[in-house]
């Protein structure tokens, strides 16, 4: 009996326990695809449509913990509180919330009622201050259920310090309770002066555990004729907006993608990303479905989506659970389901405009997994390929925006592990793995381990010419180091080919797939 050898990369291709996927409209005709990669975690794939004449391209992956957010607009305030507004969201250096409230009074309180049918944890989002004091937390008027913090300085009650060495350091949060269920009243108040620190606290939001099926993981959609206060955050058409004044919205949705614009009655500041949820940028703006360079009549042409172009869309169908998708303009803008399908028929053409091949790409998204199936049929000319990338994974070793390490190691073939840190400052390095079709990427996210499996191979289509697959890794594209505001970018490729070279003529067929699997351990 033949023994089956274990796959050393199998751990990178196991399911992460997510339940749902979702679709949302993006800016300029683009689409956001959300897929749960573990309980309370999701990846958001941004499918560009900067050129509506070419296919959608997966250009960025944001990985995030899903939390239901209760912002300042949901707070019941008693006593002396100052209301503040930030200059923007994202990750730059000022306080996070589009709205925040601050006090040094021992009698002022914030009260919020939170509720969820499933078990949840509770966080307080706050702004760290060099003069930050203690924040006292009560649940239903007592501290019995406050089980994730303790008494930090013999205060006589449970609290946490809001001191930070850097004033107005953004996006801080602390878990204050776990294992809650149902409805609870949460009260926050100043617990007095901290040392080091002071006696002021600045609160941005409360949050509880979330899933894609929950209503509060993203800001609500903009609505006409609705009262908003300065700093309230909404979304419309894939852009997030913060109100610039107290007032009632107009009749026309905001449509600007940057700066400040009006809905006819109220001004809004535009941002590409919402203040919440907290995310890490897994990669950078580079497509990953496929790309190719071929020679036709002695002239080279690069093909593939928004990056390389020379690919004209003939038809596009987007479905959710088998039904045509229509963008949602209510709630939090997410259309929820179990499976997303995107099918695009395109014509590959060389730079002078002549047709090379007909191409069909089918993208299927299920919880934690994305699969592409590509079938290319030659038309009227002969094209020889310099290269065909059947699957690609751009990645960020160092995320300059968050100033954190993201990807740690990349495993290929027999699970030989490559530490990207070994290539700091290195230029022009390419690591080759003949015959390898699977890649395993280990990354970090808020102390959790993110595993990303990628593979490519042939489709079982009659007459398929592509039958040879090899992997190579570029561990540092720009000879960068882990410092400053610049990303340290790397990329892994699975090449498709054939013995003696890959040549596509009229009636010839190429068929290949790529698969991406993400999970949080």
Foldseek 3Di string as FASTA:
>chain_A
DDDDDDAPQVVLVDAFDAFWKWWFFAAPRWIWIWFARHFQKIKIFTFDPPDVFFGTFRFFIKIFGFKFWAWPVQKDKDDDKDKDADPDAFQDQAEHARIKIKDLDQPIKIKHKDFDQDWKWKKFWWFAAQQWAKKAKDKQRHCPQQPQFADPPPLVGTTDTSHDPDGRRYGDMDTGGGGDHGIIMMMMGFSAGDVSHHRMIMTTIMIMRDHPPDQRRAAWFDDAQAWDAASRWHDDSQKIWGWHHTDGAHDADDRDQAQWDHRVTTIIGIDNDDNDDDIDIFFGGDGWQKKFWKAFPNDIAIDDGPPRDQKGWPDKAKDAPPHGDDFDRGGRGIDMHFKIKIKTWIFRDGPVGHTFWIKIWIWMDGRQKIKIKMKIAGAATKIFTPWMFNGKDKGFQAALSNLDGWWAWKAWDSGPIDGLLVQQLPEDDKAWFFQIFKMWIWTDDPNWIKIKIKGKAFDPDPQAAWHTKIKMKASFHPSHHSDHNDTGMIMMTIITAHVPGDMHHHGHMHIMMMMMGMHID
